[in-house]
Amino acid sequence: MKRFVKVVVVSVMMLGVSGMVYSQEHEKKRSPEKKEHFEKIEAAKVLYFEQELKLADKEKEKFWTAYNAYKKSLKENSRSVMNLNRELYSKMDSISDKEVKLKFESILALQSKEVQLKKDFVSKSADVIGYKRTIQALELERAFKKQLMDRVKDGKESGKRPQHKKVPSTMQQRIVPAE
């Protein structure tokens, strides 16, 4: 009986390890494709911003330094907010009212930090390209994301269109009115 248990335990462990190895290998194969796809999107975004903002060569480096630092800080801050929210709501039933209040205040502090990050970016960027184009850059971010989502929605990403089922001719005659 002990031998049977050992065999089962070892088998389960080997199965688990082989699954993990397969998963890691599979992830390595996908990773370069995802990275390349992300880089193409970022390159398109840079080109879009530079054209719309009409950035001069001397402005580009300073603007992108400020913008990238802002986006990185914003991403880190958003992750912190998300993690705190997840933690708060997953433990809501098991923590005291005082702990809920502390976590919620931490979330609000991080949300306030987001506003400060935006103010800092606007100030730094405005020193380089002025307030008009800085505010325009904030709107361009939203517009670029919308265009990207529209392309995905339309199935145009990667040059592929969604596959539509061919309608049988008898059914098509019923759908399309005769002229």
N, C-alpha and C. Protein backbone atom coordinates (compact mmCIF):
# COMPACT_ATOMS: atom_id res chain seq x y z
N MET A 1 0.83 -1.19 0.00
CA MET A 1 0.00 0.00 0.00
C MET A 1 0.87 1.26 0.00
N LYS A 2 1.95 1.23 0.83
CA LYS A 2 2.85 2.39 0.87
C LYS A 2 3.49 2.60 -0.48
N ARG A 3 3.85 1.52 -1.14
CA ARG A 3 4.49 1.63 -2.44
C ARG A 3 3.52 2.26 -3.45
N PHE A 4 2.26 1.86 -3.41
CA PHE A 4 1.25 2.40 -4.30
C PHE A 4 1.09 3.91 -4.08
N VAL A 5 1.06 4.36 -2.85
CA VAL A 5 0.93 5.78 -2.52
C VAL A 5 2.14 6.54 -3.06
N LYS A 6 3.36 5.95 -2.87
CA LYS A 6 4.58 6.61 -3.38
C LYS A 6 4.52 6.75 -4.90
N VAL A 7 4.08 5.70 -5.58
CA VAL A 7 4.01 5.73 -7.04
C VAL A 7 3.01 6.81 -7.49
N VAL A 8 1.88 6.88 -6.83
CA VAL A 8 0.87 7.87 -7.18
C VAL A 8 1.41 9.29 -6.94
N VAL A 9 2.04 9.50 -5.79
CA VAL A 9 2.58 10.83 -5.46
C VAL A 9 3.65 11.23 -6.47
N VAL A 10 4.57 10.32 -6.77
CA VAL A 10 5.64 10.62 -7.73
C VAL A 10 5.04 10.89 -9.11
N SER A 11 4.05 10.11 -9.51
CA SER A 11 3.41 10.31 -10.82
C SER A 11 2.75 11.68 -10.90
N VAL A 12 2.01 12.04 -9.86
CA VAL A 12 1.35 13.34 -9.83
C VAL A 12 2.38 14.47 -9.88
N MET A 13 3.48 14.31 -9.13
CA MET A 13 4.52 15.34 -9.13
C MET A 13 5.15 15.48 -10.51
N MET A 14 5.44 14.35 -11.15
CA MET A 14 6.05 14.40 -12.49
C MET A 14 5.10 15.02 -13.50
N LEU A 15 3.82 14.69 -13.38
CA LEU A 15 2.82 15.26 -14.27
C LEU A 15 2.76 16.78 -14.07
N GLY A 16 2.79 17.21 -12.83
CA GLY A 16 2.77 18.64 -12.52
C GLY A 16 3.98 19.36 -13.06
N VAL A 17 5.17 18.76 -12.87
CA VAL A 17 6.42 19.36 -13.36
C VAL A 17 6.41 19.42 -14.88
N SER A 18 5.98 18.35 -15.54
CA SER A 18 5.96 18.36 -17.00
C SER A 18 4.97 19.41 -17.52
N GLY A 19 3.85 19.56 -16.82
CA GLY A 19 2.89 20.60 -17.20
C GLY A 19 3.48 21.99 -17.06
N MET A 20 4.24 22.22 -15.98
CA MET A 20 4.87 23.53 -15.77
C MET A 20 5.91 23.79 -16.84
N VAL A 21 6.70 22.77 -17.18
CA VAL A 21 7.74 22.93 -18.20
C VAL A 21 7.09 23.24 -19.54
N TYR A 22 6.03 22.50 -19.88
CA TYR A 22 5.33 22.74 -21.14
C TYR A 22 4.78 24.16 -21.17
N SER A 23 4.19 24.58 -20.08
CA SER A 23 3.60 25.92 -19.99
C SER A 23 4.67 26.99 -20.19
N GLN A 24 5.82 26.81 -19.55
CA GLN A 24 6.90 27.79 -19.68
C GLN A 24 7.44 27.81 -21.11
N GLU A 25 7.58 26.64 -21.73
CA GLU A 25 8.06 26.59 -23.11
C GLU A 25 7.06 27.25 -24.05
N HIS A 26 5.80 26.99 -23.83
CA HIS A 26 4.74 27.57 -24.65
C HIS A 26 4.76 29.10 -24.51
N GLU A 27 4.95 29.58 -23.29
CA GLU A 27 4.98 31.02 -23.04
C GLU A 27 6.19 31.66 -23.73
N LYS A 28 7.33 30.97 -23.73
CA LYS A 28 8.52 31.52 -24.40
C LYS A 28 8.29 31.66 -25.89
N LYS A 29 7.55 30.73 -26.48
CA LYS A 29 7.28 30.78 -27.91
C LYS A 29 6.36 31.94 -28.26
N ARG A 30 5.41 32.24 -27.41
CA ARG A 30 4.47 33.33 -27.67
C ARG A 30 5.06 34.70 -27.36
N SER A 31 5.94 34.74 -26.42
CA SER A 31 6.44 36.01 -25.92
C SER A 31 7.04 36.92 -27.00
N PRO A 32 7.93 36.41 -27.88
CA PRO A 32 8.48 37.31 -28.90
C PRO A 32 7.41 37.88 -29.84
N GLU A 33 6.40 37.07 -30.16
CA GLU A 33 5.33 37.56 -31.03
C GLU A 33 4.55 38.68 -30.36
N LYS A 34 4.24 38.48 -29.07
CA LYS A 34 3.52 39.52 -28.33
C LYS A 34 4.36 40.77 -28.22
N LYS A 35 5.65 40.58 -27.97
CA LYS A 35 6.55 41.72 -27.83
C LYS A 35 6.63 42.49 -29.14
N GLU A 36 6.74 41.77 -30.24
CA GLU A 36 6.81 42.41 -31.55
C GLU A 36 5.52 43.16 -31.85
N HIS A 37 4.40 42.55 -31.52
CA HIS A 37 3.09 43.19 -31.73
C HIS A 37 2.99 44.47 -30.91
N PHE A 38 3.40 44.41 -29.65
CA PHE A 38 3.36 45.58 -28.78
C PHE A 38 4.27 46.67 -29.32
N GLU A 39 5.46 46.30 -29.80
CA GLU A 39 6.39 47.28 -30.34
C GLU A 39 5.82 47.97 -31.58
N LYS A 40 5.09 47.23 -32.41
CA LYS A 40 4.47 47.83 -33.59
C LYS A 40 3.41 48.85 -33.18
N ILE A 41 2.65 48.50 -32.17
CA ILE A 41 1.62 49.43 -31.68
C ILE A 41 2.27 50.68 -31.11
N GLU A 42 3.32 50.50 -30.32
CA GLU A 42 4.03 51.65 -29.75
C GLU A 42 4.64 52.53 -30.83
N ALA A 43 5.21 51.92 -31.87
CA ALA A 43 5.79 52.70 -32.97
C ALA A 43 4.70 53.50 -33.69
N ALA A 44 3.54 52.88 -33.88
CA ALA A 44 2.43 53.59 -34.52
C ALA A 44 1.96 54.75 -33.64
N LYS A 45 1.95 54.52 -32.35
CA LYS A 45 1.53 55.57 -31.41
C LYS A 45 2.51 56.74 -31.45
N VAL A 46 3.80 56.45 -31.46
CA VAL A 46 4.82 57.50 -31.52
C VAL A 46 4.65 58.32 -32.79
N LEU A 47 4.49 57.63 -33.90
CA LEU A 47 4.32 58.31 -35.18
C LEU A 47 3.05 59.17 -35.17
N TYR A 48 1.97 58.62 -34.66
CA TYR A 48 0.69 59.34 -34.56
C TYR A 48 0.85 60.60 -33.73
N PHE A 49 1.46 60.49 -32.56
CA PHE A 49 1.66 61.64 -31.68
C PHE A 49 2.54 62.69 -32.35
N GLU A 50 3.65 62.24 -32.93
CA GLU A 50 4.59 63.19 -33.53
C GLU A 50 3.97 63.94 -34.70
N GLN A 51 3.14 63.25 -35.47
CA GLN A 51 2.47 63.92 -36.59
C GLN A 51 1.40 64.89 -36.10
N GLU A 52 0.58 64.44 -35.17
CA GLU A 52 -0.52 65.27 -34.69
C GLU A 52 -0.03 66.48 -33.89
N LEU A 53 1.03 66.27 -33.10
CA LEU A 53 1.56 67.37 -32.27
C LEU A 53 2.57 68.23 -33.04
N LYS A 54 2.94 67.75 -34.23
CA LYS A 54 3.94 68.45 -35.05
C LYS A 54 5.20 68.74 -34.24
N LEU A 55 5.74 67.67 -33.64
CA LEU A 55 6.92 67.82 -32.80
C LEU A 55 8.17 68.06 -33.64
N ALA A 56 8.93 69.07 -33.29
CA ALA A 56 10.22 69.34 -33.92
C ALA A 56 11.23 68.34 -33.37
N ASP A 57 12.30 68.13 -34.09
CA ASP A 57 13.32 67.17 -33.65
C ASP A 57 13.84 67.48 -32.26
N LYS A 58 14.05 68.75 -31.96
CA LYS A 58 14.59 69.12 -30.65
C LYS A 58 13.57 68.91 -29.52
N GLU A 59 12.27 68.88 -29.86
CA GLU A 59 11.23 68.67 -28.86
C GLU A 59 10.98 67.19 -28.57
N LYS A 60 11.21 66.36 -29.56
CA LYS A 60 10.85 64.94 -29.45
C LYS A 60 11.46 64.26 -28.23
N GLU A 61 12.77 64.36 -28.07
CA GLU A 61 13.43 63.64 -26.97
C GLU A 61 12.91 64.08 -25.60
N LYS A 62 12.80 65.38 -25.40
CA LYS A 62 12.34 65.89 -24.11
C LYS A 62 10.88 65.51 -23.85
N PHE A 63 10.04 65.61 -24.89
CA PHE A 63 8.64 65.26 -24.73
C PHE A 63 8.51 63.78 -24.38
N TRP A 64 9.17 62.90 -25.15
CA TRP A 64 9.03 61.46 -24.91
C TRP A 64 9.61 61.04 -23.57
N THR A 65 10.64 61.71 -23.12
CA THR A 65 11.19 61.41 -21.79
C THR A 65 10.15 61.71 -20.72
N ALA A 66 9.53 62.88 -20.81
CA ALA A 66 8.50 63.26 -19.83
C ALA A 66 7.28 62.36 -19.95
N TYR A 67 6.85 62.09 -21.18
CA TYR A 67 5.65 61.28 -21.40
C TYR A 67 5.85 59.84 -20.91
N ASN A 68 6.98 59.24 -21.25
CA ASN A 68 7.24 57.85 -20.84
C ASN A 68 7.36 57.72 -19.33
N ALA A 69 7.98 58.70 -18.69
CA ALA A 69 8.09 58.68 -17.22
C ALA A 69 6.69 58.79 -16.61
N TYR A 70 5.86 59.65 -17.18
CA TYR A 70 4.48 59.81 -16.70
C TYR A 70 3.70 58.51 -16.85
N LYS A 71 3.77 57.89 -18.02
CA LYS A 71 3.02 56.66 -18.26
C LYS A 71 3.50 55.52 -17.35
N LYS A 72 4.80 55.46 -17.11
CA LYS A 72 5.34 54.42 -16.23
C LYS A 72 4.84 54.62 -14.80
N SER A 73 4.91 55.85 -14.32
CA SER A 73 4.43 56.14 -12.96
C SER A 73 2.94 55.90 -12.84
N LEU A 74 2.20 56.27 -13.86
CA LEU A 74 0.75 56.07 -13.87
C LEU A 74 0.40 54.58 -13.84
N LYS A 75 1.15 53.80 -14.59
CA LYS A 75 0.92 52.35 -14.63
C LYS A 75 1.19 51.71 -13.27
N GLU A 76 2.31 52.11 -12.65
CA GLU A 76 2.64 51.58 -11.32
C GLU A 76 1.58 51.97 -10.29
N ASN A 77 1.14 53.21 -10.36
CA ASN A 77 0.12 53.71 -9.43
C ASN A 77 -1.20 52.95 -9.64
N SER A 78 -1.58 52.76 -10.89
CA SER A 78 -2.82 52.04 -11.19
C SER A 78 -2.77 50.61 -10.69
N ARG A 79 -1.61 49.98 -10.84
CA ARG A 79 -1.45 48.61 -10.32
C ARG A 79 -1.63 48.58 -8.81
N SER A 80 -1.07 49.56 -8.14
CA SER A 80 -1.21 49.63 -6.68
C SER A 80 -2.66 49.80 -6.27
N VAL A 81 -3.38 50.68 -6.98
CA VAL A 81 -4.80 50.88 -6.69
C VAL A 81 -5.56 49.58 -6.92
N MET A 82 -5.28 48.93 -8.03
CA MET A 82 -5.97 47.69 -8.36
C MET A 82 -5.70 46.61 -7.30
N ASN A 83 -4.44 46.48 -6.89
CA ASN A 83 -4.09 45.48 -5.88
C ASN A 83 -4.76 45.77 -4.54
N LEU A 84 -4.77 47.04 -4.15
CA LEU A 84 -5.43 47.40 -2.90
C LEU A 84 -6.94 47.16 -2.97
N ASN A 85 -7.54 47.49 -4.09
CA ASN A 85 -8.98 47.22 -4.27
C ASN A 85 -9.27 45.73 -4.18
N ARG A 86 -8.46 44.95 -4.87
CA ARG A 86 -8.65 43.50 -4.85
C ARG A 86 -8.51 42.96 -3.43
N GLU A 87 -7.48 43.43 -2.75
CA GLU A 87 -7.24 43.00 -1.37
C GLU A 87 -8.40 43.41 -0.46
N LEU A 88 -8.84 44.64 -0.61
CA LEU A 88 -9.94 45.15 0.23
C LEU A 88 -11.21 44.32 0.03
N TYR A 89 -11.61 44.11 -1.22
CA TYR A 89 -12.86 43.42 -1.47
C TYR A 89 -12.78 41.92 -1.21
N SER A 90 -11.61 41.34 -1.33
CA SER A 90 -11.51 39.90 -1.05
C SER A 90 -11.52 39.62 0.45
N LYS A 91 -11.11 40.60 1.27
CA LYS A 91 -11.05 40.41 2.71
C LYS A 91 -12.13 41.19 3.46
N MET A 92 -13.05 41.77 2.74
CA MET A 92 -14.05 42.64 3.34
C MET A 92 -14.77 41.99 4.52
N ASP A 93 -15.13 40.73 4.40
CA ASP A 93 -15.87 40.05 5.46
C ASP A 93 -15.02 39.69 6.67
N SER A 94 -13.70 39.63 6.47
CA SER A 94 -12.85 39.14 7.56
C SER A 94 -12.02 40.23 8.25
N ILE A 95 -12.12 41.47 7.81
CA ILE A 95 -11.33 42.52 8.46
C ILE A 95 -12.26 43.52 9.16
N SER A 96 -11.68 44.24 10.09
CA SER A 96 -12.47 45.18 10.88
C SER A 96 -12.82 46.43 10.08
N ASP A 97 -13.75 47.17 10.60
CA ASP A 97 -14.17 48.43 9.99
C ASP A 97 -13.00 49.41 9.92
N LYS A 98 -12.17 49.39 10.93
CA LYS A 98 -11.00 50.29 10.99
C LYS A 98 -10.01 49.93 9.87
N GLU A 99 -9.79 48.64 9.65
CA GLU A 99 -8.88 48.21 8.58
C GLU A 99 -9.45 48.56 7.20
N VAL A 100 -10.76 48.43 7.04
CA VAL A 100 -11.40 48.81 5.78
C VAL A 100 -11.17 50.29 5.52
N LYS A 101 -11.38 51.09 6.57
CA LYS A 101 -11.19 52.53 6.44
C LYS A 101 -9.75 52.85 6.04
N LEU A 102 -8.76 52.21 6.66
CA LEU A 102 -7.35 52.46 6.34
C LEU A 102 -7.03 52.09 4.89
N LYS A 103 -7.53 50.94 4.45
CA LYS A 103 -7.27 50.52 3.07
C LYS A 103 -7.94 51.47 2.08
N PHE A 104 -9.16 51.87 2.40
CA PHE A 104 -9.87 52.79 1.52
C PHE A 104 -9.16 54.14 1.44
N GLU A 105 -8.65 54.61 2.57
CA GLU A 105 -7.90 55.86 2.57
C GLU A 105 -6.62 55.73 1.76
N SER A 106 -6.00 54.56 1.80
CA SER A 106 -4.81 54.32 0.97
C SER A 106 -5.16 54.38 -0.51
N ILE A 107 -6.31 53.81 -0.86
CA ILE A 107 -6.76 53.85 -2.26
C ILE A 107 -7.00 55.30 -2.69
N LEU A 108 -7.67 56.06 -1.85
CA LEU A 108 -7.93 57.47 -2.17
C LEU A 108 -6.63 58.26 -2.31
N ALA A 109 -5.66 57.96 -1.46
CA ALA A 109 -4.37 58.64 -1.54
C ALA A 109 -3.69 58.34 -2.88
N LEU A 110 -3.77 57.08 -3.31
CA LEU A 110 -3.18 56.71 -4.60
C LEU A 110 -3.93 57.37 -5.76
N GLN A 111 -5.23 57.49 -5.65
CA GLN A 111 -6.00 58.17 -6.69
C GLN A 111 -5.65 59.65 -6.74
N SER A 112 -5.39 60.24 -5.59
CA SER A 112 -4.95 61.64 -5.56
C SER A 112 -3.56 61.77 -6.18
N LYS A 113 -2.74 60.76 -5.96
CA LYS A 113 -1.39 60.76 -6.54
C LYS A 113 -1.48 60.76 -8.07
N GLU A 114 -2.48 60.09 -8.61
CA GLU A 114 -2.67 60.05 -10.06
C GLU A 114 -2.89 61.46 -10.62
N VAL A 115 -3.67 62.25 -9.91
CA VAL A 115 -3.91 63.64 -10.32
C VAL A 115 -2.59 64.42 -10.27
N GLN A 116 -1.81 64.19 -9.21
CA GLN A 116 -0.53 64.89 -9.09
C GLN A 116 0.44 64.47 -10.20
N LEU A 117 0.43 63.20 -10.56
CA LEU A 117 1.28 62.73 -11.66
C LEU A 117 0.91 63.44 -12.96
N LYS A 118 -0.39 63.60 -13.19
CA LYS A 118 -0.85 64.28 -14.40
C LYS A 118 -0.42 65.75 -14.37
N LYS A 119 -0.54 66.40 -13.22
CA LYS A 119 -0.11 67.81 -13.09
C LYS A 119 1.38 67.94 -13.37
N ASP A 120 2.17 67.01 -12.82
CA ASP A 120 3.63 67.05 -13.03
C ASP A 120 3.97 66.88 -14.50
N PHE A 121 3.29 65.93 -15.16
CA PHE A 121 3.54 65.71 -16.58
C PHE A 121 3.19 66.95 -17.39
N VAL A 122 2.03 67.52 -17.12
CA VAL A 122 1.59 68.70 -17.86
C VAL A 122 2.61 69.82 -17.69
N SER A 123 3.08 70.00 -16.47
CA SER A 123 4.06 71.05 -16.21
C SER A 123 5.37 70.81 -16.98
N LYS A 124 5.89 69.59 -16.90
CA LYS A 124 7.15 69.27 -17.59
C LYS A 124 7.00 69.34 -19.10
N SER A 125 5.91 68.79 -19.60
CA SER A 125 5.69 68.78 -21.04
C SER A 125 5.43 70.18 -21.58
N ALA A 126 4.69 70.98 -20.82
CA ALA A 126 4.38 72.35 -21.26
C ALA A 126 5.65 73.18 -21.39
N ASP A 127 6.65 72.88 -20.57
CA ASP A 127 7.93 73.59 -20.69
C ASP A 127 8.59 73.29 -22.04
N VAL A 128 8.27 72.15 -22.62
CA VAL A 128 8.89 71.74 -23.88
C VAL A 128 8.03 72.13 -25.08
N ILE A 129 6.72 71.80 -25.03
CA ILE A 129 5.87 72.00 -26.21
C ILE A 129 4.69 72.94 -25.98
N GLY A 130 4.56 73.50 -24.80
CA GLY A 130 3.46 74.42 -24.51
C GLY A 130 2.23 73.67 -23.99
N TYR A 131 1.34 74.43 -23.38
CA TYR A 131 0.15 73.83 -22.77
C TYR A 131 -0.83 73.28 -23.80
N LYS A 132 -1.00 74.00 -24.91
CA LYS A 132 -1.96 73.57 -25.93
C LYS A 132 -1.64 72.16 -26.43
N ARG A 133 -0.40 71.97 -26.85
CA ARG A 133 -0.03 70.66 -27.39
C ARG A 133 0.06 69.60 -26.29
N THR A 134 0.37 70.00 -25.06
CA THR A 134 0.41 69.03 -23.96
C THR A 134 -0.98 68.47 -23.68
N ILE A 135 -1.95 69.37 -23.62
CA ILE A 135 -3.33 68.93 -23.39
C ILE A 135 -3.81 68.12 -24.59
N GLN A 136 -3.39 68.52 -25.78
CA GLN A 136 -3.72 67.75 -26.98
C GLN A 136 -3.12 66.35 -26.89
N ALA A 137 -1.92 66.22 -26.33
CA ALA A 137 -1.28 64.91 -26.18
C ALA A 137 -2.12 64.00 -25.29
N LEU A 138 -2.69 64.57 -24.24
CA LEU A 138 -3.54 63.77 -23.36
C LEU A 138 -4.78 63.26 -24.11
N GLU A 139 -5.33 64.10 -24.97
CA GLU A 139 -6.48 63.70 -25.77
C GLU A 139 -6.07 62.69 -26.85
N LEU A 140 -4.86 62.85 -27.40
CA LEU A 140 -4.39 61.91 -28.42
C LEU A 140 -4.27 60.50 -27.86
N GLU A 141 -3.90 60.38 -26.61
CA GLU A 141 -3.81 59.07 -25.96
C GLU A 141 -5.18 58.38 -26.02
N ARG A 142 -6.21 59.10 -25.65
CA ARG A 142 -7.57 58.55 -25.68
C ARG A 142 -7.99 58.22 -27.11
N ALA A 143 -7.70 59.13 -28.04
CA ALA A 143 -8.08 58.93 -29.43
C ALA A 143 -7.36 57.72 -30.04
N PHE A 144 -6.08 57.58 -29.72
CA PHE A 144 -5.30 56.45 -30.24
C PHE A 144 -5.87 55.13 -29.73
N LYS A 145 -6.18 55.07 -28.44
CA LYS A 145 -6.76 53.85 -27.86
C LYS A 145 -8.10 53.53 -28.52
N LYS A 146 -8.90 54.56 -28.77
CA LYS A 146 -10.21 54.35 -29.40
C LYS A 146 -10.03 53.80 -30.81
N GLN A 147 -9.11 54.37 -31.58
CA GLN A 147 -8.86 53.88 -32.93
C GLN A 147 -8.38 52.43 -32.90
N LEU A 148 -7.52 52.13 -31.95
CA LEU A 148 -6.99 50.77 -31.81
C LEU A 148 -8.12 49.79 -31.49
N MET A 149 -8.97 50.18 -30.56
CA MET A 149 -10.10 49.32 -30.18
C MET A 149 -11.08 49.16 -31.35
N ASP A 150 -11.29 50.21 -32.10
CA ASP A 150 -12.17 50.13 -33.27
C ASP A 150 -11.61 49.16 -34.30
N ARG A 151 -10.30 49.21 -34.50
CA ARG A 151 -9.67 48.29 -35.45
C ARG A 151 -9.80 46.85 -35.00
N VAL A 152 -9.62 46.64 -33.71
CA VAL A 152 -9.76 45.28 -33.18
C VAL A 152 -11.21 44.83 -33.33
N LYS A 153 -12.11 45.72 -33.00
CA LYS A 153 -13.55 45.41 -33.09
C LYS A 153 -13.94 45.07 -34.53
N ASP A 154 -13.39 45.79 -35.47
CA ASP A 154 -13.70 45.55 -36.88
C ASP A 154 -12.97 44.35 -37.44
N GLY A 155 -12.07 43.79 -36.66
CA GLY A 155 -11.33 42.62 -37.12
C GLY A 155 -10.23 42.94 -38.10
N LYS A 156 -9.76 44.19 -38.08
CA LYS A 156 -8.74 44.60 -39.03
C LYS A 156 -7.32 44.37 -38.51
N GLU A 157 -7.21 44.04 -37.23
CA GLU A 157 -5.88 43.85 -36.66
C GLU A 157 -5.17 42.71 -37.38
N SER A 158 -3.91 42.86 -37.61
CA SER A 158 -3.07 41.88 -38.30
C SER A 158 -3.51 41.64 -39.73
N GLY A 159 -4.27 42.57 -40.28
CA GLY A 159 -4.69 42.44 -41.66
C GLY A 159 -5.77 41.40 -41.89
N LYS A 160 -6.36 40.89 -40.82
CA LYS A 160 -7.39 39.86 -40.96
C LYS A 160 -8.76 40.47 -40.77
N ARG A 161 -9.68 40.04 -41.58
CA ARG A 161 -11.08 40.43 -41.43
C ARG A 161 -11.82 39.25 -40.82
N PRO A 162 -12.87 39.53 -40.09
CA PRO A 162 -13.62 38.43 -39.50
C PRO A 162 -14.21 37.53 -40.59
N GLN A 163 -14.21 36.25 -40.32
CA GLN A 163 -14.78 35.29 -41.26
C GLN A 163 -16.30 35.29 -41.13
N HIS A 164 -16.98 35.50 -42.22
CA HIS A 164 -18.44 35.46 -42.22
C HIS A 164 -18.88 34.17 -42.90
N LYS A 165 -19.92 33.59 -42.37
CA LYS A 165 -20.46 32.39 -42.98
C LYS A 165 -21.14 32.78 -44.28
N LYS A 166 -20.95 31.96 -45.27
CA LYS A 166 -21.59 32.23 -46.55
C LYS A 166 -23.06 31.87 -46.45
N VAL A 167 -23.88 32.79 -46.88
CA VAL A 167 -25.32 32.58 -46.82
C VAL A 167 -25.74 31.80 -48.07
N PRO A 168 -26.47 30.71 -47.89
CA PRO A 168 -26.93 29.95 -49.06
C PRO A 168 -27.76 30.85 -49.98
N SER A 169 -27.67 30.61 -51.28
CA SER A 169 -28.35 31.48 -52.25
C SER A 169 -29.85 31.52 -52.05
N THR A 170 -30.45 30.41 -51.63
CA THR A 170 -31.90 30.41 -51.41
C THR A 170 -32.27 31.34 -50.27
N MET A 171 -31.47 31.34 -49.22
CA MET A 171 -31.73 32.22 -48.09
C MET A 171 -31.43 33.66 -48.46
N GLN A 172 -30.39 33.87 -49.27
CA GLN A 172 -30.01 35.21 -49.68
C GLN A 172 -31.14 35.86 -50.47
N GLN A 173 -31.83 35.08 -51.26
CA GLN A 173 -32.94 35.62 -52.03
C GLN A 173 -34.05 36.12 -51.12
N ARG A 174 -34.24 35.45 -49.99
CA ARG A 174 -35.28 35.88 -49.06
C ARG A 174 -34.87 37.16 -48.32
N ILE A 175 -33.54 37.31 -48.08
CA ILE A 175 -33.04 38.45 -47.32
C ILE A 175 -32.96 39.70 -48.20
N VAL A 176 -32.42 39.53 -49.41
CA VAL A 176 -32.22 40.66 -50.31
C VAL A 176 -33.47 40.82 -51.17
N PRO A 177 -34.11 41.99 -51.09
CA PRO A 177 -35.32 42.17 -51.89
C PRO A 177 -35.02 42.22 -53.38
N ALA A 178 -35.94 41.73 -54.15
CA ALA A 178 -35.76 41.74 -55.60
C ALA A 178 -35.91 43.17 -56.11
N GLU A 179 -35.15 43.49 -57.13
CA GLU A 179 -35.19 44.85 -57.68
C GLU A 179 -36.21 45.00 -58.74
